[in-house]
Amino acid sequence: MTAISLGMPDVPTRLADRRKSRQIQVGSVAVGGDAPVSVQSMTTTRTSDIGATLQQIAELTASGCQIVRVACPTQDDADALATIARKSQIPVIADIHFQPKYVFAAIDAGCAAVRVNPGNIKQFDDKVKEIAKAASAAGVPIRIGVNAGSLDRRLLEKYGKATPEALVESALWEASLFEEHGFRDIKISVKHNDPVVMVNAYRLLAQKCDYPLHLGVTEAGPAFQGTIKSAVAFGALLAEGIGDTIRVSLSAPPAEEVKVGIQILESLNLRQRRLEIVSCPSCGRAQVDVYKLADEVSAGLEGMEVPLRVAVMGCVVNGPGEAREADLGVASGNGKGQIFVKGEVIKTVPESKIVETLIEEALKIAETMQADGVMSGEPQVSVS
């Protein structure tokens, strides 16, 4: 009789091939083409306060942010750009509205890119040739950032509201002005606060151009709501291969935006996973406090960079199977826990020793992986 394998089925590493887009260079970070999807955020400080802005950029850098945007509404902000761009550890994009002169100031200051908003730059139309010439000479790309809340009045009159078609027409019209002068070092965003409108706008845009796309749900809301809206919208698009760089917009500290963005990419296998905790939601079968166990294990392993999957399971139904599939896991019940390493039970410990033992074994595995040079790969920690 032929043996039947009951092992875990193979799953695709990606849900779809990436959309083919042209590649631009934002400072040290490639965007588009075959470059990994990058994570961005924006400072909340006054850009003119150089010390506070650089401090926040340092915090964002430490959280994994790859590109940072700073607002530039005043001359004092423009004057601060050179120092910020020089001292920042990651590329700095200047966010410009209304005043074309600040675009030139940002280019002269050494910013890695400039963001302009077509709905707010009617007076920019006469300056496109000069902007294109200056940006081209300095090797500075332009992001054409369309927002539903600041859509050109002419398009609002034409479409009645900020429809996907209106957002895309605005972006492509502005891009065409630059193209007339031979400038194509462009990336585009078409943001809306409604994930459905946003997704449809990016789908339409992806069909109509090959520029790299910056994904964002604008004004997504407080941390919980904004995280859900962004994850739904980004997940839909990235799963179709659409999107080259992302910014999660939350009414929360910028570092939280970065954490959410990184987690979205890791969940879709678009970024190398690090520590991953797999844990069950708990139910009437659980014989231990799974919530407490998962939180304590997560806290004890915070900051771990190696790709480790840890499973924290609370009962004997799914526990042993999940724990075996993880790099490290525990199946709990009857006041004790079976500790699994790479699919094998290595010991059984009292419930009071589960967290301590898991952390100890995780550090051993991490040390071995580092010694073997395994600093990337799919993380394998499950908590149930």
Protein backbone atom coordinates (compact mmCIF):
# COMPACT_ATOMS: atom_id res chain seq x y z
CA MET A 1 0.00 0.00 0.00
CA THR A 2 1.30 3.44 -0.89
CA ALA A 3 2.01 5.61 2.12
CA ILE A 4 0.01 8.82 2.30
CA SER A 5 1.75 11.87 3.64
CA LEU A 6 -0.25 13.73 6.25
CA GLY A 7 2.28 16.53 6.54
CA MET A 8 1.50 20.20 6.21
CA PRO A 9 0.59 21.13 2.60
CA ASP A 10 2.88 23.43 0.67
CA VAL A 11 1.57 26.98 0.41
CA PRO A 12 2.56 29.70 -2.03
CA THR A 13 5.20 32.07 -0.63
CA ARG A 14 3.40 34.94 -2.39
CA LEU A 15 -0.23 35.42 -3.30
CA ALA A 16 0.60 37.06 -6.65
CA ASP A 17 3.52 38.24 -8.72
CA ARG A 18 4.45 41.88 -8.22
CA ARG A 19 3.13 44.36 -10.76
CA LYS A 20 5.91 45.39 -13.12
CA SER A 21 6.75 49.00 -12.37
CA ARG A 22 9.65 51.24 -13.22
CA GLN A 23 12.16 51.71 -10.43
CA ILE A 24 13.17 54.99 -8.85
CA GLN A 25 15.77 55.73 -6.21
CA VAL A 26 14.72 57.57 -3.05
CA GLY A 27 18.08 58.24 -1.50
CA SER A 28 19.50 54.86 -0.53
CA VAL A 29 16.12 53.08 -0.95
CA ALA A 30 15.04 51.65 -4.31
CA VAL A 31 11.29 51.88 -4.91
CA GLY A 32 9.50 49.88 -7.60
CA GLY A 33 10.79 47.29 -10.01
CA ASP A 34 12.02 44.25 -8.11
CA ALA A 35 12.87 46.22 -4.95
CA PRO A 36 11.19 45.05 -1.72
CA VAL A 37 8.10 46.97 -0.61
CA SER A 38 9.36 49.71 1.72
CA VAL A 39 7.75 51.20 4.83
CA GLN A 40 7.39 54.94 5.35
CA SER A 41 6.07 57.29 8.01
CA MET A 42 5.86 61.03 8.62
CA THR A 43 7.12 63.13 11.49
CA THR A 44 4.61 64.96 13.69
CA THR A 45 7.06 67.60 14.94
CA ARG A 46 7.45 71.08 13.53
CA THR A 47 10.16 70.60 10.95
CA SER A 48 11.71 73.90 11.99
CA ASP A 49 12.42 72.30 15.38
CA ILE A 50 15.46 70.45 14.08
CA GLY A 51 16.34 68.68 17.32
CA ALA A 52 12.83 67.31 17.92
CA THR A 53 12.47 66.28 14.30
CA LEU A 54 15.79 64.44 14.23
CA GLN A 55 14.92 62.74 17.51
CA GLN A 56 11.65 61.48 16.06
CA ILE A 57 13.39 60.36 12.89
CA ALA A 58 15.86 58.40 15.03
CA GLU A 59 12.94 56.71 16.82
CA LEU A 60 11.33 55.87 13.50
CA THR A 61 14.59 54.49 12.16
CA ALA A 62 14.93 52.27 15.23
CA SER A 63 11.39 50.95 14.68
CA GLY A 64 12.22 49.88 11.13
CA CYS A 65 11.09 52.88 9.08
CA GLN A 66 12.96 53.11 5.78
CA ILE A 67 11.81 56.49 4.42
CA VAL A 68 10.52 59.49 6.37
CA ARG A 69 8.47 62.47 5.20
CA VAL A 70 8.59 65.89 6.84
CA ALA A 71 6.12 68.75 6.40
CA CYS A 72 7.33 72.00 4.89
CA PRO A 73 4.61 74.66 5.16
CA THR A 74 6.84 77.62 6.10
CA GLN A 75 10.16 79.21 5.26
CA ASP A 76 11.52 78.21 8.68
CA ASP A 77 10.73 74.59 7.82
CA ALA A 78 12.44 74.94 4.45
CA ASP A 79 15.50 76.40 6.15
CA ALA A 80 15.72 73.34 8.42
CA LEU A 81 15.66 70.78 5.60
CA ALA A 82 19.37 70.79 4.80
CA THR A 83 20.40 69.90 8.35
CA ILE A 84 17.67 67.29 8.73
CA ALA A 85 18.43 65.65 5.38
CA ARG A 86 22.15 65.54 6.19
CA LYS A 87 21.79 64.10 9.69
CA SER A 88 18.92 61.68 9.13
CA GLN A 89 19.92 58.00 8.89
CA ILE A 90 17.12 57.33 6.40
CA PRO A 91 16.03 59.22 3.25
CA VAL A 92 13.99 62.36 3.89
CA ILE A 93 11.08 63.41 1.67
CA ALA A 94 9.85 67.01 1.83
CA ASP A 95 6.05 67.34 1.82
CA ILE A 96 5.15 70.46 -0.17
CA HIS A 97 1.75 72.11 -0.62
CA PHE A 98 0.80 75.48 -2.16
CA GLN A 99 4.29 77.02 -2.41
CA PRO A 100 6.43 76.01 -5.42
CA LYS A 101 9.46 77.80 -3.96
CA TYR A 102 9.74 75.17 -1.24
CA VAL A 103 10.13 72.45 -3.88
CA PHE A 104 13.31 74.14 -5.08
CA ALA A 105 14.41 74.65 -1.47
CA ALA A 106 13.96 70.93 -0.75
CA ILE A 107 15.94 69.93 -3.82
CA ASP A 108 18.73 72.35 -2.93
CA ALA A 109 18.70 71.07 0.67
CA GLY A 110 19.51 67.53 -0.44
CA CYS A 111 16.16 65.90 0.30
CA ALA A 112 15.85 62.43 -1.20
CA ALA A 113 12.48 63.21 -2.82
CA VAL A 114 9.67 65.76 -2.87
CA ARG A 115 5.95 65.12 -2.52
CA VAL A 116 3.54 67.49 -4.28
CA ASN A 117 -0.27 67.47 -4.23
CA PRO A 118 -2.00 68.29 -7.54
CA GLY A 119 -5.12 69.54 -5.78
CA ASN A 120 -3.16 72.20 -3.93
CA ILE A 121 -0.70 73.33 -6.57
CA LYS A 122 -2.55 75.12 -9.33
CA GLN A 123 0.20 77.71 -9.31
CA PHE A 124 2.68 74.85 -9.77
CA ASP A 125 1.48 74.28 -13.32
CA ASP A 126 3.58 77.15 -14.62
CA LYS A 127 6.58 75.87 -12.63
CA VAL A 128 6.58 72.27 -13.79
CA LYS A 129 9.30 72.83 -16.38
CA GLU A 130 11.60 74.44 -13.80
CA ILE A 131 10.81 71.78 -11.17
CA ALA A 132 11.44 68.97 -13.64
CA LYS A 133 14.75 70.52 -14.67
CA ALA A 134 15.93 71.02 -11.08
CA ALA A 135 14.77 67.59 -9.88
CA SER A 136 16.33 65.86 -12.88
CA ALA A 137 19.67 67.62 -12.40
CA ALA A 138 19.76 66.64 -8.71
CA GLY A 139 18.44 63.10 -9.23
CA VAL A 140 15.47 63.81 -6.96
CA PRO A 141 12.22 61.93 -7.68
CA ILE A 142 8.78 63.50 -7.30
CA ARG A 143 5.81 61.84 -5.60
CA ILE A 144 2.52 62.99 -7.03
CA GLY A 145 0.29 62.56 -4.01
CA VAL A 146 -3.44 62.86 -4.68
CA ASN A 147 -5.76 63.04 -1.67
CA ALA A 148 -9.54 62.77 -1.69
CA GLY A 149 -9.76 65.68 0.75
CA SER A 150 -7.89 68.10 -1.50
CA LEU A 151 -8.99 67.02 -4.97
CA ASP A 152 -8.88 69.64 -7.70
CA ARG A 153 -12.19 71.55 -7.83
CA ARG A 154 -12.45 70.94 -11.57
CA LEU A 155 -12.45 67.19 -11.01
CA LEU A 156 -14.94 67.42 -8.17
CA GLU A 157 -17.29 69.28 -10.52
CA LYS A 158 -16.74 66.69 -13.24
CA TYR A 159 -17.23 63.56 -11.08
CA GLY A 160 -19.38 64.93 -8.25
CA LYS A 161 -17.07 63.53 -5.57
CA ALA A 162 -13.67 61.91 -5.08
CA THR A 163 -14.31 58.76 -7.09
CA PRO A 164 -11.53 56.33 -8.07
CA GLU A 165 -11.70 57.74 -11.60
CA ALA A 166 -11.32 61.31 -10.33
CA LEU A 167 -8.29 60.43 -8.18
CA VAL A 168 -6.59 58.62 -11.04
CA GLU A 169 -7.30 61.36 -13.55
CA SER A 170 -5.79 63.92 -11.20
CA ALA A 171 -2.61 61.88 -10.73
CA LEU A 172 -2.10 61.05 -14.39
CA TRP A 173 -2.82 64.63 -15.49
CA GLU A 174 -0.11 65.91 -13.15
CA ALA A 175 2.29 63.20 -14.29
CA SER A 176 1.66 64.18 -17.90
CA LEU A 177 2.82 67.74 -17.14
CA PHE A 178 6.18 66.37 -15.99
CA GLU A 179 6.35 63.92 -18.87
CA GLU A 180 6.06 66.82 -21.33
CA HIS A 181 9.49 67.88 -20.08
CA GLY A 182 10.98 64.39 -20.19
CA PHE A 183 10.75 63.83 -16.43
CA ARG A 184 9.56 60.36 -15.38
CA ASP A 185 11.32 59.90 -12.05
CA ILE A 186 7.89 59.74 -10.44
CA LYS A 187 5.90 57.69 -7.96
CA ILE A 188 2.19 58.14 -7.41
CA SER A 189 -0.35 57.84 -4.61
CA VAL A 190 -4.14 58.16 -4.78
CA LYS A 191 -5.31 58.13 -1.17
CA HIS A 192 -8.84 58.02 0.19
CA ASN A 193 -10.21 57.41 3.68
CA ASP A 194 -12.57 54.70 2.40
CA PRO A 195 -10.63 51.46 1.80
CA VAL A 196 -13.00 50.34 -0.96
CA VAL A 197 -12.60 53.57 -2.94
CA MET A 198 -8.86 53.52 -2.30
CA VAL A 199 -8.45 49.92 -3.50
CA ASN A 200 -10.43 50.58 -6.67
CA ALA A 201 -8.42 53.75 -7.37
CA TYR A 202 -5.10 51.91 -7.13
CA ARG A 203 -6.36 49.03 -9.25
CA LEU A 204 -7.36 51.50 -11.96
CA LEU A 205 -4.11 53.42 -11.65
CA ALA A 206 -2.06 50.21 -11.89
CA GLN A 207 -3.70 49.46 -15.24
CA LYS A 208 -2.97 52.89 -16.66
CA CYS A 209 0.71 53.48 -15.86
CA ASP A 210 3.93 51.76 -14.89
CA TYR A 211 4.99 54.24 -12.21
CA PRO A 212 5.77 52.82 -8.75
CA LEU A 213 2.82 53.23 -6.39
CA HIS A 214 2.82 54.50 -2.81
CA LEU A 215 -0.10 52.95 -0.90
CA GLY A 216 -2.02 54.76 1.79
CA VAL A 217 -5.47 55.02 3.36
CA THR A 218 -5.53 58.69 4.29
CA GLU A 219 -6.98 59.82 7.62
CA ALA A 220 -7.43 56.16 8.53
CA GLY A 221 -8.31 57.07 12.12
CA PRO A 222 -7.25 56.08 15.65
CA ALA A 223 -4.87 53.17 16.10
CA PHE A 224 -7.38 50.29 16.15
CA GLN A 225 -9.66 51.53 13.38
CA GLY A 226 -6.79 52.78 11.26
CA THR A 227 -4.90 49.52 11.58
CA ILE A 228 -7.91 47.53 10.41
CA LYS A 229 -8.65 49.84 7.47
CA SER A 230 -5.02 49.91 6.37
CA ALA A 231 -4.55 46.16 6.73
CA VAL A 232 -7.69 45.45 4.70
CA ALA A 233 -6.80 47.88 1.91
CA PHE A 234 -3.09 47.11 1.74
CA GLY A 235 -3.74 43.40 2.01
CA ALA A 236 -6.14 43.46 -0.93
CA LEU A 237 -3.73 45.39 -3.16
CA LEU A 238 -0.46 43.76 -2.12
CA ALA A 239 -2.04 40.34 -2.52
CA GLU A 240 -2.63 41.33 -6.17
CA GLY A 241 0.96 42.50 -6.56
CA ILE A 242 0.05 46.20 -6.46
CA GLY A 243 2.15 48.53 -4.29
CA ASP A 244 5.82 49.44 -4.01
CA THR A 245 5.99 51.44 -0.79
CA ILE A 246 3.45 51.98 2.01
CA ARG A 247 2.55 54.39 4.76
CA VAL A 248 -0.01 53.48 7.44
CA SER A 249 -1.72 56.71 8.52
CA LEU A 250 -2.79 56.54 12.17
CA SER A 251 -3.82 59.05 14.79
CA ALA A 252 -1.05 57.58 16.91
CA PRO A 253 2.71 57.98 17.39
CA PRO A 254 4.51 57.51 14.04
CA ALA A 255 6.47 54.49 15.28
CA GLU A 256 3.14 52.67 15.63
CA GLU A 257 2.51 53.27 11.92
CA VAL A 258 5.79 51.60 11.13
CA LYS A 259 5.07 48.57 13.34
CA VAL A 260 1.72 48.04 11.63
CA GLY A 261 3.22 48.45 8.17
CA ILE A 262 5.99 45.97 8.86
CA GLN A 263 3.53 43.45 10.27
CA ILE A 264 1.31 43.75 7.18
CA LEU A 265 4.27 43.03 4.90
CA GLU A 266 5.48 40.13 7.05
CA SER A 267 1.99 38.61 7.08
CA LEU A 268 1.98 38.57 3.27
CA ASN A 269 5.54 37.20 3.05
CA LEU A 270 6.61 40.47 1.43
CA ARG A 271 9.16 41.05 4.16
CA GLN A 272 11.32 38.55 5.97
CA ARG A 273 9.54 37.53 9.13
CA ARG A 274 11.27 37.84 12.45
CA LEU A 275 9.81 36.65 15.73
CA GLU A 276 6.30 35.29 15.22
CA ILE A 277 4.06 34.24 18.08
CA VAL A 278 1.30 31.77 17.22
CA SER A 279 -1.30 31.53 19.95
CA CYS A 280 -4.85 30.29 20.23
CA PRO A 281 -7.77 32.63 20.99
CA SER A 282 -8.62 30.42 23.98
CA CYS A 283 -11.91 28.64 24.60
CA GLY A 284 -13.64 26.47 27.18
CA ARG A 285 -11.12 23.69 26.55
CA ALA A 286 -8.17 25.78 27.70
CA GLN A 287 -6.68 24.69 31.03
CA VAL A 288 -4.23 27.60 31.32
CA ASP A 289 -4.47 31.39 30.97
CA VAL A 290 -3.40 31.58 27.31
CA TYR A 291 -3.69 35.37 27.16
CA LYS A 292 -1.28 35.78 30.05
CA LEU A 293 1.14 33.19 28.68
CA ALA A 294 1.22 34.74 25.20
CA ASP A 295 1.70 38.28 26.57
CA GLU A 296 4.53 37.20 28.87
CA VAL A 297 6.33 35.24 26.16
CA SER A 298 5.95 38.16 23.72
CA ALA A 299 7.34 40.59 26.28
CA GLY A 300 10.24 38.30 27.15
CA LEU A 301 11.27 37.91 23.50
CA GLU A 302 10.62 41.48 22.38
CA GLY A 303 13.28 42.74 20.00
CA MET A 304 14.37 39.30 18.81
CA GLU A 305 15.48 39.63 15.18
CA VAL A 306 15.92 36.02 14.10
CA PRO A 307 13.11 34.30 12.15
CA LEU A 308 11.63 32.27 14.98
CA ARG A 309 8.08 30.91 15.23
CA VAL A 310 6.90 30.23 18.77
CA ALA A 311 3.60 28.48 19.47
CA VAL A 312 1.77 29.00 22.76
CA MET A 313 -1.16 26.63 22.94
CA GLY A 314 -3.72 26.15 25.67
CA CYS A 315 -5.25 22.72 25.20
CA VAL A 316 -4.58 19.23 23.87
CA VAL A 317 -6.87 19.52 20.81
CA ASN A 318 -4.72 21.67 18.53
CA GLY A 319 -1.85 22.31 20.90
CA PRO A 320 0.53 19.44 20.16
CA GLY A 321 0.11 19.80 16.39
CA GLU A 322 0.73 23.55 16.39
CA ALA A 323 3.65 23.18 18.80
CA ARG A 324 5.28 20.57 16.55
CA GLU A 325 4.99 22.80 13.49
CA ALA A 326 6.73 25.71 15.23
CA ASP A 327 10.42 26.11 15.94
CA LEU A 328 9.50 26.22 19.60
CA GLY A 329 6.19 25.62 21.29
CA VAL A 330 4.23 24.56 24.30
CA ALA A 331 1.08 22.44 24.57
CA SER A 332 -0.47 23.15 27.97
CA GLY A 333 -2.89 21.23 30.15
CA ASN A 334 -3.41 19.72 33.60
CA GLY A 335 -1.13 22.27 35.25
CA LYS A 336 1.89 21.56 33.07
CA GLY A 337 3.27 22.14 29.61
CA GLN A 338 5.03 19.98 27.05
CA ILE A 339 7.88 21.94 25.48
CA PHE A 340 8.55 21.22 21.80
CA VAL A 341 11.74 22.17 19.91
CA LYS A 342 11.75 21.52 16.16
CA GLY A 343 8.84 19.11 16.48
CA GLU A 344 10.19 17.02 19.36
CA VAL A 345 9.15 17.07 23.01
CA ILE A 346 12.26 17.97 25.01
CA LYS A 347 10.72 18.29 28.46
CA THR A 348 7.56 18.70 30.50
CA VAL A 349 7.47 21.55 33.01
CA PRO A 350 5.02 22.85 35.63
CA GLU A 351 2.71 25.63 34.42
CA SER A 352 4.64 28.13 36.56
CA LYS A 353 7.80 27.37 34.56
CA ILE A 354 6.37 27.55 31.02
CA VAL A 355 7.27 31.16 30.24
CA GLU A 356 10.72 30.93 31.78
CA THR A 357 11.46 27.71 29.85
CA LEU A 358 10.18 29.04 26.52
CA ILE A 359 12.30 32.18 26.77
CA GLU A 360 15.36 30.15 27.75
CA GLU A 361 14.93 27.73 24.82
CA ALA A 362 14.17 30.58 22.40
CA LEU A 363 17.43 32.31 23.31
CA LYS A 364 19.33 29.04 22.76
CA ILE A 365 17.77 28.60 19.32
CA ALA A 366 18.45 32.23 18.43
CA GLU A 367 22.08 31.90 19.46
CA THR A 368 22.49 28.82 17.28
CA MET A 369 20.80 30.52 14.32
CA GLN A 370 23.04 33.57 14.66
CA ALA A 371 26.13 31.38 14.87
CA ASP A 372 24.98 29.63 11.67
CA GLY A 373 24.41 32.98 9.99
CA VAL A 374 20.64 32.53 9.81
CA MET A 375 19.40 36.08 10.27
CA SER A 376 16.68 35.92 7.68
CA GLY A 377 14.05 33.45 6.73
CA GLU A 378 10.53 32.65 7.77
CA PRO A 379 10.04 33.22 11.49
CA GLN A 380 8.67 30.32 13.45
CA VAL A 381 7.12 31.08 16.82
CA SER A 382 3.53 30.05 17.60
CA VAL A 383 1.38 30.82 20.64
CA SER A 384 -2.00 29.15 21.09
